[in-house]
C-alpha atoms as a PDB file:
ATOM      1  CA  MET A   1       0.276  -0.158  -0.071  1.00  0.00           C
ATOM      2  CA  LYS A   2       1.358   3.504  -0.909  1.00  0.00           C
ATOM      3  CA  TYR A   3       1.258   6.422   1.847  1.00  0.00           C
ATOM      4  CA  PRO A   4       1.844  10.112   1.178  1.00  0.00           C
ATOM      5  CA  MET A   5       4.970  11.325   0.918  1.00  0.00           C
ATOM      6  CA  TRP A   6       6.626  13.328   3.811  1.00  0.00           C
ATOM      7  CA  ILE A   7      10.021  15.166   4.229  1.00  0.00           C
ATOM      8  CA  LEU A   8      12.655  15.066   6.917  1.00  0.00           C
ATOM      9  CA  LEU A   9      15.077  17.572   7.554  1.00  0.00           C
ATOM     10  CA  SER A  10      18.165  16.214   9.646  1.00  0.00           C
ATOM     11  CA  THR A  11      20.803  17.708  11.737  1.00  0.00           C
ATOM     12  CA  PHE A  12      22.912  16.842   9.012  1.00  0.00           C
ATOM     13  CA  LEU A  13      21.310  18.609   6.242  1.00  0.00           C
ATOM     14  CA  LEU A  14      19.867  15.532   4.765  1.00  0.00           C
ATOM     15  CA  ILE A  15      16.762  15.846   3.534  1.00  0.00           C
ATOM     16  CA  LYS A  16      14.755  12.317   3.495  1.00  0.00           C
ATOM     17  CA  LEU A  17      11.758  11.769   1.024  1.00  0.00           C
ATOM     18  CA  SER A  18       9.751   8.747   2.236  1.00  0.00           C
ATOM     19  CA  ILE A  19       7.442   7.420  -0.633  1.00  0.00           C
ATOM     20  CA  GLY A  20       5.646   4.519   1.522  1.00  0.00           C
ATOM     21  CA  ILE A  21       6.152   2.863   4.715  1.00  0.00           C
ATOM     22  CA  ALA A  22       9.043   3.364   7.435  1.00  0.00           C
ATOM     23  CA  HIS A  23      10.772   0.116   6.052  1.00  0.00           C
ATOM     24  CA  ALA A  24      11.448   0.747   2.684  1.00  0.00           C
ATOM     25  CA  ASP A  25      12.038  -2.078  -0.022  1.00  0.00           C
ATOM     26  CA  ILE A  26      14.258   0.585  -2.080  1.00  0.00           C
ATOM     27  CA  ASN A  27      16.687   3.336  -0.967  1.00  0.00           C
ATOM     28  CA  ILE A  28      17.604   5.753  -3.339  1.00  0.00           C
ATOM     29  CA  ALA A  29      20.979   8.375  -3.133  1.00  0.00           C
ATOM     30  CA  SER A  30      20.475  11.462  -5.103  1.00  0.00           C
ATOM     31  CA  ASP A  31      22.173  14.941  -5.048  1.00  0.00           C
ATOM     32  CA  ASN A  32      19.775  18.031  -4.717  1.00  0.00           C
ATOM     33  CA  ILE A  33      19.440  20.004  -7.788  1.00  0.00           C
ATOM     34  CA  PRO A  34      17.640  23.575  -7.517  1.00  0.00           C
ATOM     35  CA  GLY A  35      14.443  23.437 -10.135  1.00  0.00           C
ATOM     36  CA  ILE A  36      15.156  19.738 -11.259  1.00  0.00           C
ATOM     37  CA  LEU A  37      14.998  17.815  -8.067  1.00  0.00           C
ATOM     38  CA  ASP A  38      13.660  20.074  -5.399  1.00  0.00           C
ATOM     39  CA  LEU A  39      11.933  18.626  -2.275  1.00  0.00           C
ATOM     40  CA  ASN A  40      10.497  22.056  -1.617  1.00  0.00           C
ATOM     41  CA  ASP A  41       8.669  21.700  -4.949  1.00  0.00           C
ATOM     42  CA  LYS A  42       6.508  19.001  -5.669  1.00  0.00           C
ATOM     43  CA  GLN A  43       6.661  19.871  -9.265  1.00  0.00           C
ATOM     44  CA  SER A  44       9.849  19.724  -9.821  1.00  0.00           C
ATOM     45  CA  PRO A  45      10.703  17.675 -12.882  1.00  0.00           C
ATOM     46  CA  TYR A  46      12.616  14.918 -11.298  1.00  0.00           C
ATOM     47  CA  TYR A  47      10.334  14.895  -8.196  1.00  0.00           C
ATOM     48  CA  ARG A  48       7.424  14.281 -10.511  1.00  0.00           C
ATOM     49  CA  PHE A  49       9.476  11.297 -12.347  1.00  0.00           C
ATOM     50  CA  ILE A  50      10.469   9.460  -9.612  1.00  0.00           C
ATOM     51  CA  GLN A  51       7.112   9.534  -8.064  1.00  0.00           C
ATOM     52  CA  GLN A  52       5.654   7.809 -11.658  1.00  0.00           C
ATOM     53  CA  VAL A  53       8.489   5.200 -11.080  1.00  0.00           C
ATOM     54  CA  ASN A  54       7.053   4.805  -7.370  1.00  0.00           C
ATOM     55  CA  LEU A  55       3.649   3.995  -8.558  1.00  0.00           C
ATOM     56  CA  ALA A  56       4.676   1.612 -10.941  1.00  0.00           C
ATOM     57  CA  THR A  57       6.903  -0.801  -8.706  1.00  0.00           C
ATOM     58  CA  ASP A  58       6.172  -3.194  -6.091  1.00  0.00           C
ATOM     59  CA  GLY A  59       7.190  -2.230  -2.623  1.00  0.00           C
ATOM     60  CA  ASP A  60       8.294   1.329  -1.746  1.00  0.00           C
ATOM     61  CA  ILE A  61      11.108   3.952  -2.286  1.00  0.00           C
ATOM     62  CA  VAL A  62      12.791   5.989   0.127  1.00  0.00           C
ATOM     63  CA  ILE A  63      15.075   8.962  -1.452  1.00  0.00           C
ATOM     64  CA  ASP A  64      17.966  10.405   0.573  1.00  0.00           C
ATOM     65  CA  VAL A  65      18.573  13.614  -0.982  1.00  0.00           C
ATOM     66  CA  PHE A  66      21.885  14.888  -0.187  1.00  0.00           C
ATOM     67  CA  PRO A  67      24.031  18.254  -0.712  1.00  0.00           C
ATOM     68  CA  PRO A  68      26.395  18.146  -3.296  1.00  0.00           C
ATOM     69  CA  ARG A  69      28.929  14.902  -3.960  1.00  0.00           C
ATOM     70  CA  ARG A  70      27.293  13.494  -0.966  1.00  0.00           C
ATOM     71  CA  ALA A  71      24.881  10.911  -3.018  1.00  0.00           C
ATOM     72  CA  GLY A  72      27.358   9.416  -4.721  1.00  0.00           C
ATOM     73  CA  ASN A  73      30.003   8.951  -2.031  1.00  0.00           C
ATOM     74  CA  VAL A  74      26.927   7.414   0.167  1.00  0.00           C
ATOM     75  CA  PHE A  75      26.248   5.131  -2.852  1.00  0.00           C
ATOM     76  CA  ASN A  76      30.087   4.283  -3.420  1.00  0.00           C
ATOM     77  CA  LYS A  77      29.865   3.225   0.030  1.00  0.00           C
ATOM     78  CA  LYS A  78      27.475   0.982  -0.658  1.00  0.00           C
ATOM     79  CA  THR A  79      24.666   2.657   2.335  1.00  0.00           C
ATOM     80  CA  ALA A  80      22.241   3.377  -0.535  1.00  0.00           C
ATOM     81  CA  ASP A  81      20.533   0.683  -3.098  1.00  0.00           C
ATOM     82  CA  CYS A  82      20.714   2.916  -5.974  1.00  0.00           C
ATOM     83  CA  HIS A  83      21.606   6.664  -7.039  1.00  0.00           C
ATOM     84  CA  PHE A  84      19.604   8.887  -8.992  1.00  0.00           C
ATOM     85  CA  PRO A  85      20.030  10.593 -11.267  1.00  0.00           C
ATOM     86  CA  ALA A  86      23.070   8.877 -12.394  1.00  0.00           C
ATOM     87  CA  SER A  87      24.788   6.632 -15.166  1.00  0.00           C
ATOM     88  CA  ALA A  88      27.119   3.356 -15.225  1.00  0.00           C
ATOM     89  CA  ASP A  89      28.326   3.762 -18.728  1.00  0.00           C
ATOM     90  CA  HIS A  90      31.604   4.297 -17.602  1.00  0.00           C
ATOM     91  CA  ALA A  91      31.999   0.493 -16.201  1.00  0.00           C
ATOM     92  CA  PRO A  92      29.649  -1.562 -18.620  1.00  0.00           C
ATOM     93  CA  SER A  93      31.033  -4.674 -17.541  1.00  0.00           C
ATOM     94  CA  ASP A  94      30.643  -4.100 -13.602  1.00  0.00           C
ATOM     95  CA  PRO A  95      28.699  -7.391 -12.772  1.00  0.00           C
ATOM     96  CA  ASP A  96      27.524  -5.799  -9.701  1.00  0.00           C
ATOM     97  CA  LEU A  97      25.680  -2.828 -11.061  1.00  0.00           C
ATOM     98  CA  LEU A  98      22.221  -2.223 -13.175  1.00  0.00           C
ATOM     99  CA  GLN A  99      20.793   0.528 -14.416  1.00  0.00           C
ATOM    100  CA  THR A 100      17.374   1.386 -16.161  1.00  0.00           C
ATOM    101  CA  ILE A 101      17.235   2.392 -19.392  1.00  0.00           C
ATOM    102  CA  PRO A 102      17.945   6.475 -20.232  1.00  0.00           C
ATOM    103  CA  PHE A 103      14.923   8.635 -19.288  1.00  0.00           C
ATOM    104  CA  ASN A 104      16.964  11.713 -19.820  1.00  0.00           C
ATOM    105  CA  ALA A 105      20.076  13.259 -21.322  1.00  0.00           C
ATOM    106  CA  ALA A 106      22.863  15.253 -19.461  1.00  0.00           C
ATOM    107  CA  ASN A 107      24.444  17.866 -21.558  1.00  0.00           C
ATOM    108  CA  ALA A 108      27.980  19.320 -20.605  1.00  0.00           C
ATOM    109  CA  HIS A 109      28.358  22.765 -21.928  1.00  0.00           C
ATOM    110  CA  PHE A 110      30.663  25.655 -21.019  1.00  0.00           C
ATOM    111  CA  PHE A 111      28.907  28.852 -20.019  1.00  0.00           C
ATOM    112  CA  ALA A 112      30.475  32.297 -20.072  1.00  0.00           C
ATOM    113  CA  LYS A 113      29.160  36.169 -20.011  1.00  0.00           C
ATOM    114  CA  GLN A 114      29.474  36.663 -23.682  1.00  0.00           C
ATOM    115  CA  PRO A 115      28.686  34.494 -26.693  1.00  0.00           C
ATOM    116  CA  PHE A 116      30.879  31.720 -27.950  1.00  0.00           C
ATOM    117  CA  LYS A 117      31.653  31.389 -31.596  1.00  0.00           C
ATOM    118  CA  PRO A 118      30.217  28.595 -33.145  1.00  0.00           C
ATOM    119  CA  SER A 119      33.449  26.615 -34.096  1.00  0.00           C
ATOM    120  CA  PHE A 120      34.564  27.344 -30.193  1.00  0.00           C
ATOM    121  CA  THR A 121      36.848  24.333 -28.936  1.00  0.00           C
ATOM    122  CA  LEU A 122      39.638  24.772 -25.674  1.00  0.00           C
ATOM    123  CA  LYS A 123      41.963  23.619 -28.475  1.00  0.00           C
ATOM    124  CA  THR A 124      41.499  26.567 -30.472  1.00  0.00           C
ATOM    125  CA  ALA A 125      41.280  28.900 -27.840  1.00  0.00           C
ATOM    126  CA  ASP A 126      44.633  31.486 -28.032  1.00  0.00           C
ATOM    127  CA  VAL A 127      43.862  32.474 -24.271  1.00  0.00           C
ATOM    128  CA  ARG A 128      44.440  30.571 -21.238  1.00  0.00           C
ATOM    129  CA  PHE A 129      40.875  30.565 -19.062  1.00  0.00           C
ATOM    130  CA  ARG A 130      39.921  30.464 -15.563  1.00  0.00           C
ATOM    131  CA  ILE A 131      37.195  27.450 -15.488  1.00  0.00           C
ATOM    132  CA  ALA A 132      35.197  26.181 -12.905  1.00  0.00           C
ATOM    133  CA  PHE A 133      33.307  23.081 -12.521  1.00  0.00           C
ATOM    134  CA  ARG A 134      32.119  20.961  -9.799  1.00  0.00           C
ATOM    135  CA  ARG A 135      34.306  18.396  -7.889  1.00  0.00           C
ATOM    136  CA  GLY A 136      33.363  14.799  -8.652  1.00  0.00           C
ATOM    137  CA  ASN A 137      32.112  15.547 -12.291  1.00  0.00           C
ATOM    138  CA  SER A 138      34.350  14.140 -14.891  1.00  0.00           C
ATOM    139  CA  PHE A 139      32.679  14.908 -17.727  1.00  0.00           C
ATOM    140  CA  GLY A 140      33.971  11.855 -19.488  1.00  0.00           C
ATOM    141  CA  GLY A 141      37.120  12.606 -18.616  1.00  0.00           C
ATOM    142  CA  LEU A 142      37.175  16.208 -19.705  1.00  0.00           C
ATOM    143  CA  SER A 143      38.096  18.113 -16.416  1.00  0.00           C
ATOM    144  CA  ALA A 144      40.892  15.850 -15.916  1.00  0.00           C
ATOM    145  CA  ASN A 145      42.742  17.263 -19.244  1.00  0.00           C
ATOM    146  CA  LEU A 146      41.828  21.011 -19.174  1.00  0.00           C
ATOM    147  CA  ASP A 147      45.474  22.216 -19.096  1.00  0.00           C
ATOM    148  CA  PRO A 148      46.775  24.344 -19.608  1.00  0.00           C
ATOM    149  CA  HIS A 149      44.085  26.430 -18.422  1.00  0.00           C
ATOM    150  CA  GLN A 150      43.522  27.290 -14.927  1.00  0.00           C
ATOM    151  CA  GLN A 151      41.201  25.121 -13.180  1.00  0.00           C
ATOM    152  CA  PHE A 152      38.805  25.872  -9.907  1.00  0.00           C
ATOM    153  CA  GLY A 153      36.908  22.598  -8.877  1.00  0.00           C
ATOM    154  CA  VAL A 154      34.347  23.826  -6.213  1.00  0.00           C
ATOM    155  CA  ASN A 155      31.959  22.231  -4.077  1.00  0.00           C
ATOM    156  CA  ASN A 156      28.701  22.890  -6.300  1.00  0.00           C
ATOM    157  CA  ILE A 157      27.716  24.558  -9.130  1.00  0.00           C
ATOM    158  CA  ASP A 158      25.972  27.904  -7.362  1.00  0.00           C
ATOM    159  CA  GLN A 159      29.684  28.638  -6.399  1.00  0.00           C
ATOM    160  CA  ALA A 160      30.893  28.116 -10.234  1.00  0.00           C
ATOM    161  CA  PHE A 161      28.147  30.367 -11.557  1.00  0.00           C
ATOM    162  CA  GLY A 162      28.895  33.044  -8.434  1.00  0.00           C
ATOM    163  CA  MET A 163      32.348  33.076  -9.252  1.00  0.00           C
ATOM    164  CA  LEU A 164      31.523  33.425 -13.088  1.00  0.00           C
ATOM    165  CA  LYS A 165      29.006  36.591 -12.244  1.00  0.00           C
ATOM    166  CA  LYS A 166      31.978  38.171  -9.987  1.00  0.00           C
ATOM    167  CA  ASP A 167      34.532  37.709 -13.166  1.00  0.00           C
ATOM    168  CA  ARG A 168      36.629  35.467 -10.907  1.00  0.00           C
ATOM    169  CA  VAL A 169      36.347  32.837 -13.719  1.00  0.00           C
ATOM    170  CA  ASP A 170      35.857  33.001 -17.458  1.00  0.00           C
ATOM    171  CA  LEU A 171      33.972  29.972 -18.007  1.00  0.00           C
ATOM    172  CA  VAL A 172      31.882  27.400 -16.227  1.00  0.00           C
ATOM    173  CA  LEU A 173      31.982  23.619 -16.986  1.00  0.00           C
ATOM    174  CA  ALA A 174      28.649  22.209 -16.134  1.00  0.00           C
ATOM    175  CA  TYR A 175      25.788  19.896 -17.117  1.00  0.00           C
ATOM    176  CA  LEU A 176      22.254  20.599 -18.236  1.00  0.00           C
ATOM    177  CA  PRO A 177      19.386  20.167 -17.037  1.00  0.00           C
ATOM    178  CA  ASP A 178      21.221  20.385 -13.766  1.00  0.00           C
ATOM    179  CA  ALA A 179      22.338  23.832 -14.316  1.00  0.00           C
ATOM    180  CA  GLN A 180      19.462  25.321 -15.869  1.00  0.00           C
ATOM    181  CA  GLU A 181      18.265  27.853 -13.082  1.00  0.00           C
ATOM    182  CA  LEU A 182      21.405  29.317 -12.479  1.00  0.00           C
ATOM    183  CA  ALA A 183      22.388  29.454 -16.241  1.00  0.00           C
ATOM    184  CA  THR A 184      19.210  31.362 -16.687  1.00  0.00           C
ATOM    185  CA  LYS A 185      18.866  33.395 -13.410  1.00  0.00           C
ATOM    186  CA  GLY A 186      22.433  33.638 -12.112  1.00  0.00           C
ATOM    187  CA  ASN A 187      23.413  36.554 -14.035  1.00  0.00           C
ATOM    188  CA  GLY A 188      20.796  38.990 -12.754  1.00  0.00           C
ATOM    189  CA  ASP A 189      18.332  40.174 -15.465  1.00  0.00           C
ATOM    190  CA  LYS A 190      20.947  38.239 -18.280  1.00  0.00           C
ATOM    191  CA  SER A 191      21.438  34.511 -18.793  1.00  0.00           C
ATOM    192  CA  PHE A 192      24.662  33.390 -19.482  1.00  0.00           C
ATOM    193  CA  TYR A 193      25.569  32.030 -22.661  1.00  0.00           C
ATOM    194  CA  LYS A 194      26.637  28.306 -23.476  1.00  0.00           C
ATOM    195  CA  THR A 195      28.559  26.613 -26.098  1.00  0.00           C
ATOM    196  CA  PRO A 196      26.613  26.159 -29.281  1.00  0.00           C
ATOM    197  CA  GLN A 197      26.926  22.579 -29.059  1.00  0.00           C
ATOM    198  CA  PRO A 198      27.666  20.064 -25.733  1.00  0.00           C
ATOM    199  CA  VAL A 199      31.170  19.253 -24.898  1.00  0.00           C
ATOM    200  CA  TYR A 200      30.186  15.948 -23.710  1.00  0.00           C
ATOM    201  CA  VAL A 201      26.729  13.938 -23.340  1.00  0.00           C
ATOM    202  CA  GLN A 202      25.727  11.131 -20.955  1.00  0.00           C
ATOM    203  CA  THR A 203      22.338   9.698 -20.124  1.00  0.00           C
ATOM    204  CA  GLU A 204      20.467   9.654 -17.263  1.00  0.00           C
ATOM    205  CA  HIS A 205      19.467   6.633 -15.347  1.00  0.00           C
ATOM    206  CA  ILE A 206      18.502   5.283 -11.908  1.00  0.00           C
ATOM    207  CA  VAL A 207      21.737   3.010 -11.170  1.00  0.00           C
ATOM    208  CA  CYS A 208      21.405   0.407  -8.123  1.00  0.00           C
ATOM    209  CA  TYR A 209      23.223  -2.334  -6.929  1.00  0.00           C
ATOM    210  CA  ARG A 210      22.308  -6.070  -8.042  1.00  0.00           C
ATOM    211  CA  SER A 211      20.344  -7.516  -5.607  1.00  0.00           C
ATOM    212  CA  LYS A 212      17.394  -9.797  -6.054  1.00  0.00           C
ATOM    213  CA  GLU A 213      15.182  -6.705  -4.979  1.00  0.00           C
ATOM    214  CA  THR A 214      16.854  -4.072  -7.240  1.00  0.00           C
ATOM    215  CA  GLU A 215      16.684  -6.559 -10.418  1.00  0.00           C
ATOM    216  CA  ILE A 216      12.892  -6.639 -10.052  1.00  0.00           C
ATOM    217  CA  PHE A 217      13.130  -2.391  -9.093  1.00  0.00           C
ATOM    218  CA  ILE A 218      14.791  -2.142 -12.082  1.00  0.00           C
ATOM    219  CA  GLU A 219      12.619  -4.199 -14.589  1.00  0.00           C
ATOM    220  CA  GLN A 220       9.328  -2.808 -13.468  1.00  0.00           C
ATOM    221  CA  ALA A 221      10.830   0.671 -13.790  1.00  0.00           C
ATOM    222  CA  ASN A 222      11.854  -0.252 -17.256  1.00  0.00           C
ATOM    223  CA  GLN A 223       8.563  -0.717 -17.935  1.00  0.00           C
ATOM    224  CA  ALA A 224       7.111   2.309 -16.496  1.00  0.00           C
ATOM    225  CA  ILE A 225       9.864   4.434 -18.443  1.00  0.00           C
ATOM    226  CA  LYS A 226       8.992   2.978 -21.899  1.00  0.00           C
ATOM    227  CA  GLN A 227       5.427   3.472 -20.713  1.00  0.00           C
ATOM    228  CA  LEU A 228       5.906   6.919 -19.848  1.00  0.00           C
ATOM    229  CA  LYS A 229       7.826   7.518 -23.109  1.00  0.00           C
ATOM    230  CA  GLU A 230       5.763   5.968 -25.259  1.00  0.00           C
ATOM    231  CA  SER A 231       2.664   8.039 -24.234  1.00  0.00           C
ATOM    232  CA  GLY A 232       4.548  11.495 -24.228  1.00  0.00           C
ATOM    233  CA  LYS A 233       4.106  11.924 -20.549  1.00  0.00           C
ATOM    234  CA  LEU A 234       7.716  11.665 -19.996  1.00  0.00           C
ATOM    235  CA  ARG A 235       8.097  14.673 -21.859  1.00  0.00           C
ATOM    236  CA  LYS A 236       5.155  16.483 -20.084  1.00  0.00           C
ATOM    237  CA  ILE A 237       6.702  15.824 -16.735  1.00  0.00           C
ATOM    238  CA  LEU A 238      10.286  16.943 -17.453  1.00  0.00           C
ATOM    239  CA  GLY A 239       9.164  20.262 -19.070  1.00  0.00           C
ATOM    240  CA  ASN A 240      12.016  22.474 -19.919  1.00  0.00           C
ATOM    241  CA  ALA A 241      14.359  19.887 -18.558  1.00  0.00           C
ATOM    242  CA  TYR A 242      13.841  16.958 -21.170  1.00  0.00           C
ATOM    243  CA  LEU A 243      16.875  16.294 -23.160  1.00  0.00           C
ATOM    244  CA  ALA A 244      16.123  13.699 -25.614  1.00  0.00           C
ATOM    245  CA  PRO A 245      18.479  10.572 -24.595  1.00  0.00           C
END
């Protein structure tokens, strides 16, 4: 039986979204993403998406939403069954990991105060940029290959865009849709400009450690995602955050 959601803010700045009864079958760790997965806004797109998955699967889901980077650490320590949103594409042969079919895409762009030339790449740039990005995001290995440009790893993308707004850096490297709200509202009455094409693309999934319970959960979640896609409901739920995977 499904019960209403409730939210608990702990002394460790951990926000817990419980979908169902106190004892949950599946525990999912997630990063808090303003405007995308926001527990203060039940209409935020990834909140609505995971609600639909919960309704279509047996048992119950508990989502623990952490400050930036914490969710990945919690999942890596195996204190959560699953990580959302995430991708296991970097470890396709890991027998311990399962992931749903993709429900969205995550496109990495550089952001700046001035428009980019259509042909812009770091390789063709004739200046040494100061680049901020969130620690823990590899962007397919791109963040480890930014030399000779000056790099600033920060704890969250809010800090990165704050540095860009104050001219402390020249570029921010970040994902859409994660940075959507900051990119459009973080520069006063102006939006930041992004590179015309993504510099890296990955798909978004729910990633889980393999167990009897998660195998059933992934199978049922896949059916739910397929139905949401085929009906057109997924695009409506995600709204401006939808990026075709």
